[in-house]
mmCIF file of all heavy atoms, coordinates in Angstrom:
data_MODEL
# 
_entry.id   MODEL 
# 
loop_
_atom_site.group_PDB 
_atom_site.id 
_atom_site.type_symbol 
_atom_site.label_atom_id 
_atom_site.label_alt_id 
_atom_site.label_comp_id 
_atom_site.label_asym_id 
_atom_site.label_entity_id 
_atom_site.label_seq_id 
_atom_site.pdbx_PDB_ins_code 
_atom_site.Cartn_x 
_atom_site.Cartn_y 
_atom_site.Cartn_z 
_atom_site.occupancy 
_atom_site.B_iso_or_equiv 
_atom_site.pdbx_formal_charge 
_atom_site.auth_seq_id 
_atom_site.auth_comp_id 
_atom_site.auth_asym_id 
_atom_site.auth_atom_id 
_atom_site.pdbx_PDB_model_num 
ATOM 1   N N   . ALA A 1 1  ? -222.908 51.412 -34.478 1.00 0.00 ? 1  ALA A N   1 
ATOM 2   C CA  . ALA A 1 1  ? -223.428 50.141 -34.987 1.00 0.00 ? 1  ALA A CA  1 
ATOM 3   C C   . ALA A 1 1  ? -224.947 50.096 -34.925 1.00 0.00 ? 1  ALA A C   1 
ATOM 4   O O   . ALA A 1 1  ? -225.605 49.520 -35.789 1.00 0.00 ? 1  ALA A O   1 
ATOM 5   C CB  . ALA A 1 1  ? -222.819 48.985 -34.201 1.00 0.00 ? 1  ALA A CB  1 
ATOM 6   N N   . THR A 1 2  ? -225.520 50.690 -33.890 1.00 0.00 ? 2  THR A N   1 
ATOM 7   C CA  . THR A 1 2  ? -226.975 50.603 -33.710 1.00 0.00 ? 2  THR A CA  1 
ATOM 8   C C   . THR A 1 2  ? -227.675 51.927 -33.986 1.00 0.00 ? 2  THR A C   1 
ATOM 9   O O   . THR A 1 2  ? -228.795 52.129 -33.576 1.00 0.00 ? 2  THR A O   1 
ATOM 10  C CB  . THR A 1 2  ? -227.284 50.140 -32.276 1.00 0.00 ? 2  THR A CB  1 
ATOM 11  O OG1 . THR A 1 2  ? -226.675 51.064 -31.360 1.00 0.00 ? 2  THR A OG1 1 
ATOM 12  C CG2 . THR A 1 2  ? -226.739 48.748 -32.023 1.00 0.00 ? 2  THR A CG2 1 
ATOM 13  N N   . GLY A 1 3  ? -227.039 52.828 -34.642 1.00 0.00 ? 3  GLY A N   1 
ATOM 14  C CA  . GLY A 1 3  ? -227.650 54.116 -34.929 1.00 0.00 ? 3  GLY A CA  1 
ATOM 15  C C   . GLY A 1 3  ? -226.581 55.160 -35.099 1.00 0.00 ? 3  GLY A C   1 
ATOM 16  O O   . GLY A 1 3  ? -225.406 54.861 -35.329 1.00 0.00 ? 3  GLY A O   1 
ATOM 17  N N   . LYS A 1 4  ? -226.952 56.426 -34.987 1.00 0.00 ? 4  LYS A N   1 
ATOM 18  C CA  . LYS A 1 4  ? -226.016 57.526 -35.168 1.00 0.00 ? 4  LYS A CA  1 
ATOM 19  C C   . LYS A 1 4  ? -225.938 58.361 -33.898 1.00 0.00 ? 4  LYS A C   1 
ATOM 20  O O   . LYS A 1 4  ? -226.928 58.514 -33.183 1.00 0.00 ? 4  LYS A O   1 
ATOM 21  C CB  . LYS A 1 4  ? -226.470 58.405 -36.324 1.00 0.00 ? 4  LYS A CB  1 
ATOM 22  C CG  . LYS A 1 4  ? -226.508 57.717 -37.678 1.00 0.00 ? 4  LYS A CG  1 
ATOM 23  C CD  . LYS A 1 4  ? -227.034 58.661 -38.743 1.00 0.00 ? 4  LYS A CD  1 
ATOM 24  C CE  . LYS A 1 4  ? -227.123 57.960 -40.100 1.00 0.00 ? 4  LYS A CE  1 
ATOM 25  N NZ  . LYS A 1 4  ? -227.673 58.859 -41.140 1.00 0.00 ? 4  LYS A NZ  1 
ATOM 26  N N   . SER A 1 5  ? -224.756 58.900 -33.653 1.00 0.00 ? 5  SER A N   1 
ATOM 27  C CA  . SER A 1 5  ? -224.578 59.901 -32.622 1.00 0.00 ? 5  SER A CA  1 
ATOM 28  C C   . SER A 1 5  ? -224.618 61.251 -33.312 1.00 0.00 ? 5  SER A C   1 
ATOM 29  O O   . SER A 1 5  ? -223.741 61.579 -34.114 1.00 0.00 ? 5  SER A O   1 
ATOM 30  C CB  . SER A 1 5  ? -223.245 59.702 -31.904 1.00 0.00 ? 5  SER A CB  1 
ATOM 31  O OG  . SER A 1 5  ? -223.080 60.692 -30.919 1.00 0.00 ? 5  SER A OG  1 
ATOM 32  N N   . LYS A 1 6  ? -225.659 62.015 -33.012 1.00 0.00 ? 6  LYS A N   1 
ATOM 33  C CA  . LYS A 1 6  ? -225.877 63.279 -33.702 1.00 0.00 ? 6  LYS A CA  1 
ATOM 34  C C   . LYS A 1 6  ? -225.747 64.439 -32.729 1.00 0.00 ? 6  LYS A C   1 
ATOM 35  O O   . LYS A 1 6  ? -226.355 64.422 -31.654 1.00 0.00 ? 6  LYS A O   1 
ATOM 36  C CB  . LYS A 1 6  ? -227.265 63.299 -34.343 1.00 0.00 ? 6  LYS A CB  1 
ATOM 37  C CG  . LYS A 1 6  ? -227.503 62.197 -35.372 1.00 0.00 ? 6  LYS A CG  1 
ATOM 38  C CD  . LYS A 1 6  ? -228.919 62.291 -35.937 1.00 0.00 ? 6  LYS A CD  1 
ATOM 39  C CE  . LYS A 1 6  ? -229.161 61.213 -36.994 1.00 0.00 ? 6  LYS A CE  1 
ATOM 40  N NZ  . LYS A 1 6  ? -230.536 61.288 -37.547 1.00 0.00 ? 6  LYS A NZ  1 
ATOM 41  N N   . VAL A 1 7  ? -224.969 65.433 -33.109 1.00 0.00 ? 7  VAL A N   1 
ATOM 42  C CA  . VAL A 1 7  ? -224.791 66.627 -32.307 1.00 0.00 ? 7  VAL A CA  1 
ATOM 43  C C   . VAL A 1 7  ? -225.337 67.806 -33.098 1.00 0.00 ? 7  VAL A C   1 
ATOM 44  O O   . VAL A 1 7  ? -224.871 68.095 -34.208 1.00 0.00 ? 7  VAL A O   1 
ATOM 45  C CB  . VAL A 1 7  ? -223.313 66.858 -31.952 1.00 0.00 ? 7  VAL A CB  1 
ATOM 46  C CG1 . VAL A 1 7  ? -223.165 68.133 -31.140 1.00 0.00 ? 7  VAL A CG1 1 
ATOM 47  C CG2 . VAL A 1 7  ? -222.760 65.664 -31.175 1.00 0.00 ? 7  VAL A CG2 1 
ATOM 48  N N   . TYR A 1 8  ? -226.335 68.477 -32.535 1.00 0.00 ? 8  TYR A N   1 
ATOM 49  C CA  . TYR A 1 8  ? -226.952 69.626 -33.182 1.00 0.00 ? 8  TYR A CA  1 
ATOM 50  C C   . TYR A 1 8  ? -226.551 70.891 -32.435 1.00 0.00 ? 8  TYR A C   1 
ATOM 51  O O   . TYR A 1 8  ? -226.749 71.003 -31.218 1.00 0.00 ? 8  TYR A O   1 
ATOM 52  C CB  . TYR A 1 8  ? -228.477 69.505 -33.180 1.00 0.00 ? 8  TYR A CB  1 
ATOM 53  C CG  . TYR A 1 8  ? -229.033 68.419 -34.057 1.00 0.00 ? 8  TYR A CG  1 
ATOM 54  C CD1 . TYR A 1 8  ? -229.233 67.133 -33.557 1.00 0.00 ? 8  TYR A CD1 1 
ATOM 55  C CD2 . TYR A 1 8  ? -229.372 68.676 -35.380 1.00 0.00 ? 8  TYR A CD2 1 
ATOM 56  C CE1 . TYR A 1 8  ? -229.762 66.129 -34.358 1.00 0.00 ? 8  TYR A CE1 1 
ATOM 57  C CE2 . TYR A 1 8  ? -229.901 67.687 -36.189 1.00 0.00 ? 8  TYR A CE2 1 
ATOM 58  C CZ  . TYR A 1 8  ? -230.096 66.407 -35.676 1.00 0.00 ? 8  TYR A CZ  1 
ATOM 59  O OH  . TYR A 1 8  ? -230.623 65.423 -36.459 1.00 0.00 ? 8  TYR A OH  1 
ATOM 60  N N   . ASN A 1 9  ? -226.009 71.849 -33.156 1.00 0.00 ? 9  ASN A N   1 
ATOM 61  C CA  . ASN A 1 9  ? -225.687 73.147 -32.597 1.00 0.00 ? 9  ASN A CA  1 
ATOM 62  C C   . ASN A 1 9  ? -226.876 74.077 -32.835 1.00 0.00 ? 9  ASN A C   1 
ATOM 63  O O   . ASN A 1 9  ? -227.280 74.312 -33.975 1.00 0.00 ? 9  ASN A O   1 
ATOM 64  C CB  . ASN A 1 9  ? -224.431 73.712 -33.267 1.00 0.00 ? 9  ASN A CB  1 
ATOM 65  C CG  . ASN A 1 9  ? -223.920 74.968 -32.587 1.00 0.00 ? 9  ASN A CG  1 
ATOM 66  O OD1 . ASN A 1 9  ? -224.692 75.798 -32.116 1.00 0.00 ? 9  ASN A OD1 1 
ATOM 67  N ND2 . ASN A 1 9  ? -222.598 75.116 -32.550 1.00 0.00 ? 9  ASN A ND2 1 
ATOM 68  N N   . MET A 1 10 ? -227.445 74.592 -31.750 1.00 0.00 ? 10 MET A N   1 
ATOM 69  C CA  . MET A 1 10 ? -228.650 75.407 -31.875 1.00 0.00 ? 10 MET A CA  1 
ATOM 70  C C   . MET A 1 10 ? -228.397 76.693 -32.664 1.00 0.00 ? 10 MET A C   1 
ATOM 71  O O   . MET A 1 10 ? -229.327 77.284 -33.229 1.00 0.00 ? 10 MET A O   1 
ATOM 72  C CB  . MET A 1 10 ? -229.210 75.739 -30.494 1.00 0.00 ? 10 MET A CB  1 
ATOM 73  C CG  . MET A 1 10 ? -229.765 74.538 -29.750 1.00 0.00 ? 10 MET A CG  1 
ATOM 74  S SD  . MET A 1 10 ? -231.201 73.783 -30.583 1.00 0.00 ? 10 MET A SD  1 
ATOM 75  C CE  . MET A 1 10 ? -230.436 72.410 -31.433 1.00 0.00 ? 10 MET A CE  1 
ATOM 76  N N   . ALA A 1 11 ? -227.145 77.116 -32.755 1.00 0.00 ? 11 ALA A N   1 
ATOM 77  C CA  . ALA A 1 11 ? -226.838 78.298 -33.574 1.00 0.00 ? 11 ALA A CA  1 
ATOM 78  C C   . ALA A 1 11 ? -227.150 78.058 -35.040 1.00 0.00 ? 11 ALA A C   1 
ATOM 79  O O   . ALA A 1 11 ? -227.478 78.998 -35.783 1.00 0.00 ? 11 ALA A O   1 
ATOM 80  C CB  . ALA A 1 11 ? -225.372 78.682 -33.398 1.00 0.00 ? 11 ALA A CB  1 
ATOM 81  N N   . ASP A 1 12 ? -227.077 76.784 -35.471 1.00 0.00 ? 12 ASP A N   1 
ATOM 82  C CA  . ASP A 1 12 ? -227.387 76.464 -36.862 1.00 0.00 ? 12 ASP A CA  1 
ATOM 83  C C   . ASP A 1 12 ? -228.870 76.639 -37.180 1.00 0.00 ? 12 ASP A C   1 
ATOM 84  O O   . ASP A 1 12 ? -229.256 76.653 -38.358 1.00 0.00 ? 12 ASP A O   1 
ATOM 85  C CB  . ASP A 1 12 ? -226.963 75.024 -37.166 1.00 0.00 ? 12 ASP A CB  1 
ATOM 86  C CG  . ASP A 1 12 ? -225.453 74.840 -37.097 1.00 0.00 ? 12 ASP A CG  1 
ATOM 87  O OD1 . ASP A 1 12 ? -224.731 75.842 -37.232 1.00 0.00 ? 12 ASP A OD1 1 
ATOM 88  O OD2 . ASP A 1 12 ? -225.004 73.687 -36.898 1.00 0.00 ? 12 ASP A OD2 1 
ATOM 89  N N   . PHE A 1 13 ? -229.700 76.753 -36.138 1.00 0.00 ? 13 PHE A N   1 
ATOM 90  C CA  . PHE A 1 13 ? -231.137 76.941 -36.331 1.00 0.00 ? 13 PHE A CA  1 
ATOM 91  C C   . PHE A 1 13 ? -231.539 78.394 -36.087 1.00 0.00 ? 13 PHE A C   1 
ATOM 92  O O   . PHE A 1 13 ? -232.719 78.700 -35.986 1.00 0.00 ? 13 PHE A O   1 
ATOM 93  C CB  . PHE A 1 13 ? -231.916 76.010 -35.402 1.00 0.00 ? 13 PHE A CB  1 
ATOM 94  C CG  . PHE A 1 13 ? -231.728 74.552 -35.702 1.00 0.00 ? 13 PHE A CG  1 
ATOM 95  C CD1 . PHE A 1 13 ? -230.686 73.843 -35.121 1.00 0.00 ? 13 PHE A CD1 1 
ATOM 96  C CD2 . PHE A 1 13 ? -232.569 73.892 -36.588 1.00 0.00 ? 13 PHE A CD2 1 
ATOM 97  C CE1 . PHE A 1 13 ? -230.505 72.495 -35.396 1.00 0.00 ? 13 PHE A CE1 1 
ATOM 98  C CE2 . PHE A 1 13 ? -232.387 72.549 -36.878 1.00 0.00 ? 13 PHE A CE2 1 
ATOM 99  C CZ  . PHE A 1 13 ? -231.350 71.843 -36.285 1.00 0.00 ? 13 PHE A CZ  1 
ATOM 100 N N   . GLY A 1 14 ? -230.551 79.271 -35.976 1.00 0.00 ? 14 GLY A N   1 
ATOM 101 C CA  . GLY A 1 14 ? -230.835 80.690 -35.837 1.00 0.00 ? 14 GLY A CA  1 
ATOM 102 C C   . GLY A 1 14 ? -230.882 81.200 -34.413 1.00 0.00 ? 14 GLY A C   1 
ATOM 103 O O   . GLY A 1 14 ? -231.108 82.399 -34.189 1.00 0.00 ? 14 GLY A O   1 
ATOM 104 N N   . LEU A 1 15 ? -230.663 80.313 -33.413 1.00 0.00 ? 15 LEU A N   1 
ATOM 105 C CA  . LEU A 1 15 ? -230.656 80.765 -32.023 1.00 0.00 ? 15 LEU A CA  1 
ATOM 106 C C   . LEU A 1 15 ? -229.303 81.393 -31.717 1.00 0.00 ? 15 LEU A C   1 
ATOM 107 O O   . LEU A 1 15 ? -228.275 80.721 -31.746 1.00 0.00 ? 15 LEU A O   1 
ATOM 108 C CB  . LEU A 1 15 ? -230.925 79.610 -31.063 1.00 0.00 ? 15 LEU A CB  1 
ATOM 109 C CG  . LEU A 1 15 ? -232.392 79.209 -30.899 1.00 0.00 ? 15 LEU A CG  1 
ATOM 110 C CD1 . LEU A 1 15 ? -232.813 78.259 -32.013 1.00 0.00 ? 15 LEU A CD1 1 
ATOM 111 C CD2 . LEU A 1 15 ? -232.631 78.562 -29.552 1.00 0.00 ? 15 LEU A CD2 1 
ATOM 112 N N   . LYS A 1 16 ? -229.320 82.679 -31.426 1.00 0.00 ? 16 LYS A N   1 
ATOM 113 C CA  . LYS A 1 16 ? -228.087 83.410 -31.189 1.00 0.00 ? 16 LYS A CA  1 
ATOM 114 C C   . LYS A 1 16 ? -228.002 83.815 -29.727 1.00 0.00 ? 16 LYS A C   1 
ATOM 115 O O   . LYS A 1 16 ? -228.892 84.495 -29.205 1.00 0.00 ? 16 LYS A O   1 
ATOM 116 C CB  . LYS A 1 16 ? -228.046 84.647 -32.086 1.00 0.00 ? 16 LYS A CB  1 
ATOM 117 C CG  . LYS A 1 16 ? -228.064 84.342 -33.574 1.00 0.00 ? 16 LYS A CG  1 
ATOM 118 C CD  . LYS A 1 16 ? -228.087 85.618 -34.396 1.00 0.00 ? 16 LYS A CD  1 
ATOM 119 C CE  . LYS A 1 16 ? -228.156 85.320 -35.892 1.00 0.00 ? 16 LYS A CE  1 
ATOM 120 N NZ  . LYS A 1 16 ? -228.211 86.571 -36.702 1.00 0.00 ? 16 LYS A NZ  1 
ATOM 121 N N   . ALA A 1 17 ? -226.933 83.387 -29.087 1.00 0.00 ? 17 ALA A N   1 
ATOM 122 C CA  . ALA A 1 17 ? -226.727 83.764 -27.696 1.00 0.00 ? 17 ALA A CA  1 
ATOM 123 C C   . ALA A 1 17 ? -226.541 85.268 -27.574 1.00 0.00 ? 17 ALA A C   1 
ATOM 124 O O   . ALA A 1 17 ? -225.947 85.915 -28.440 1.00 0.00 ? 17 ALA A O   1 
ATOM 125 C CB  . ALA A 1 17 ? -225.512 83.035 -27.139 1.00 0.00 ? 17 ALA A CB  1 
ATOM 126 N N   . ASN A 1 18 ? -227.122 85.827 -26.481 1.00 0.00 ? 18 ASN A N   1 
ATOM 127 C CA  . ASN A 1 18 ? -226.935 87.235 -26.127 1.00 0.00 ? 18 ASN A CA  1 
ATOM 128 C C   . ASN A 1 18 ? -227.517 88.210 -27.150 1.00 0.00 ? 18 ASN A C   1 
ATOM 129 O O   . ASN A 1 18 ? -227.169 89.387 -27.157 1.00 0.00 ? 18 ASN A O   1 
ATOM 130 C CB  . ASN A 1 18 ? -225.444 87.550 -25.927 1.00 0.00 ? 18 ASN A CB  1 
ATOM 131 C CG  . ASN A 1 18 ? -224.785 86.607 -24.938 1.00 0.00 ? 18 ASN A CG  1 
ATOM 132 O OD1 . ASN A 1 18 ? -225.326 86.345 -23.868 1.00 0.00 ? 18 ASN A OD1 1 
ATOM 133 N ND2 . ASN A 1 18 ? -223.631 86.071 -25.303 1.00 0.00 ? 18 ASN A ND2 1 
ATOM 134 N N   . SER A 1 19 ? -228.418 87.724 -27.988 1.00 0.00 ? 19 SER A N   1 
ATOM 135 C CA  . SER A 1 19 ? -228.998 88.597 -29.016 1.00 0.00 ? 19 SER A CA  1 
ATOM 136 C C   . SER A 1 19 ? -230.198 89.373 -28.513 1.00 0.00 ? 19 SER A C   1 
ATOM 137 O O   . SER A 1 19 ? -230.575 90.396 -29.093 1.00 0.00 ? 19 SER A O   1 
ATOM 138 C CB  . SER A 1 19 ? -229.413 87.769 -30.235 1.00 0.00 ? 19 SER A CB  1 
ATOM 139 O OG  . SER A 1 19 ? -230.511 86.918 -29.902 1.00 0.00 ? 19 SER A OG  1 
ATOM 140 N N   . GLY A 1 20 ? -230.843 88.872 -27.446 1.00 0.00 ? 20 GLY A N   1 
ATOM 141 C CA  . GLY A 1 20 ? -232.079 89.478 -26.967 1.00 0.00 ? 20 GLY A CA  1 
ATOM 142 C C   . GLY A 1 20 ? -233.290 89.122 -27.796 1.00 0.00 ? 20 GLY A C   1 
ATOM 143 O O   . GLY A 1 20 ? -234.410 89.526 -27.476 1.00 0.00 ? 20 GLY A O   1 
ATOM 144 N N   . GLU A 1 21 ? -233.100 88.348 -28.865 1.00 0.00 ? 21 GLU A N   1 
ATOM 145 C CA  . GLU A 1 21 ? -234.216 87.942 -29.717 1.00 0.00 ? 21 GLU A CA  1 
ATOM 146 C C   . GLU A 1 21 ? -235.034 86.843 -29.051 1.00 0.00 ? 21 GLU A C   1 
ATOM 147 O O   . GLU A 1 21 ? -234.539 86.096 -28.204 1.00 0.00 ? 21 GLU A O   1 
ATOM 148 C CB  . GLU A 1 21 ? -233.683 87.461 -31.065 1.00 0.00 ? 21 GLU A CB  1 
ATOM 149 C CG  . GLU A 1 21 ? -232.936 88.528 -31.854 1.00 0.00 ? 21 GLU A CG  1 
ATOM 150 C CD  . GLU A 1 21 ? -232.326 87.979 -33.137 1.00 0.00 ? 21 GLU A CD  1 
ATOM 151 O OE1 . GLU A 1 21 ? -232.494 86.765 -33.394 1.00 0.00 ? 21 GLU A OE1 1 
ATOM 152 O OE2 . GLU A 1 21 ? -231.682 88.751 -33.863 1.00 0.00 ? 21 GLU A OE2 1 
ATOM 153 N N   . ASN A 1 22 ? -236.276 86.728 -29.460 1.00 0.00 ? 22 ASN A N   1 
ATOM 154 C CA  . ASN A 1 22 ? -237.167 85.703 -28.921 1.00 0.00 ? 22 ASN A CA  1 
ATOM 155 C C   . ASN A 1 22 ? -236.765 84.333 -29.469 1.00 0.00 ? 22 ASN A C   1 
ATOM 156 O O   . ASN A 1 22 ? -236.901 84.072 -30.671 1.00 0.00 ? 22 ASN A O   1 
ATOM 157 C CB  . ASN A 1 22 ? -238.615 86.029 -29.295 1.00 0.00 ? 22 ASN A CB  1 
ATOM 158 C CG  . ASN A 1 22 ? -239.598 85.002 -28.728 1.00 0.00 ? 22 ASN A CG  1 
ATOM 159 O OD1 . ASN A 1 22 ? -239.253 84.179 -27.883 1.00 0.00 ? 22 ASN A OD1 1 
ATOM 160 N ND2 . ASN A 1 22 ? -240.832 85.066 -29.193 1.00 0.00 ? 22 ASN A ND2 1 
ATOM 161 N N   . ALA A 1 23 ? -236.288 83.447 -28.583 1.00 0.00 ? 23 ALA A N   1 
ATOM 162 C CA  . ALA A 1 23 ? -235.836 82.120 -29.005 1.00 0.00 ? 23 ALA A CA  1 
ATOM 163 C C   . ALA A 1 23 ? -236.981 81.126 -29.140 1.00 0.00 ? 23 ALA A C   1 
ATOM 164 O O   . ALA A 1 23 ? -236.781 80.045 -29.716 1.00 0.00 ? 23 ALA A O   1 
ATOM 165 C CB  . ALA A 1 23 ? -234.804 81.588 -28.011 1.00 0.00 ? 23 ALA A CB  1 
ATOM 166 N N   . SER A 1 24 ? -238.167 81.448 -28.637 1.00 0.00 ? 24 SER A N   1 
ATOM 167 C CA  . SER A 1 24 ? -239.255 80.462 -28.595 1.00 0.00 ? 24 SER A CA  1 
ATOM 168 C C   . SER A 1 24 ? -239.618 79.887 -29.959 1.00 0.00 ? 24 SER A C   1 
ATOM 169 O O   . SER A 1 24 ? -239.608 78.663 -30.146 1.00 0.00 ? 24 SER A O   1 
ATOM 170 C CB  . SER A 1 24 ? -240.492 81.075 -27.935 1.00 0.00 ? 24 SER A CB  1 
ATOM 171 O OG  . SER A 1 24 ? -240.252 81.370 -26.587 1.00 0.00 ? 24 SER A OG  1 
ATOM 172 N N   . PRO A 1 25 ? -239.957 80.708 -30.964 1.00 0.00 ? 25 PRO A N   1 
ATOM 173 C CA  . PRO A 1 25 ? -240.361 80.105 -32.247 1.00 0.00 ? 25 PRO A CA  1 
ATOM 174 C C   . PRO A 1 25 ? -239.222 79.374 -32.941 1.00 0.00 ? 25 PRO A C   1 
ATOM 175 O O   . PRO A 1 25 ? -239.446 78.361 -33.606 1.00 0.00 ? 25 PRO A O   1 
ATOM 176 C CB  . PRO A 1 25 ? -240.838 81.309 -33.065 1.00 0.00 ? 25 PRO A CB  1 
ATOM 177 C CG  . PRO A 1 25 ? -240.184 82.494 -32.447 1.00 0.00 ? 25 PRO A CG  1 
ATOM 178 C CD  . PRO A 1 25 ? -240.067 82.183 -30.991 1.00 0.00 ? 25 PRO A CD  1 
# 
């Protein structure tokens, strides 16, 4: 009623668990 409940999955932004890639940028 007063806004939205939003759930963001960080995988959708390219952050991959256990990849060893730099997550900072």
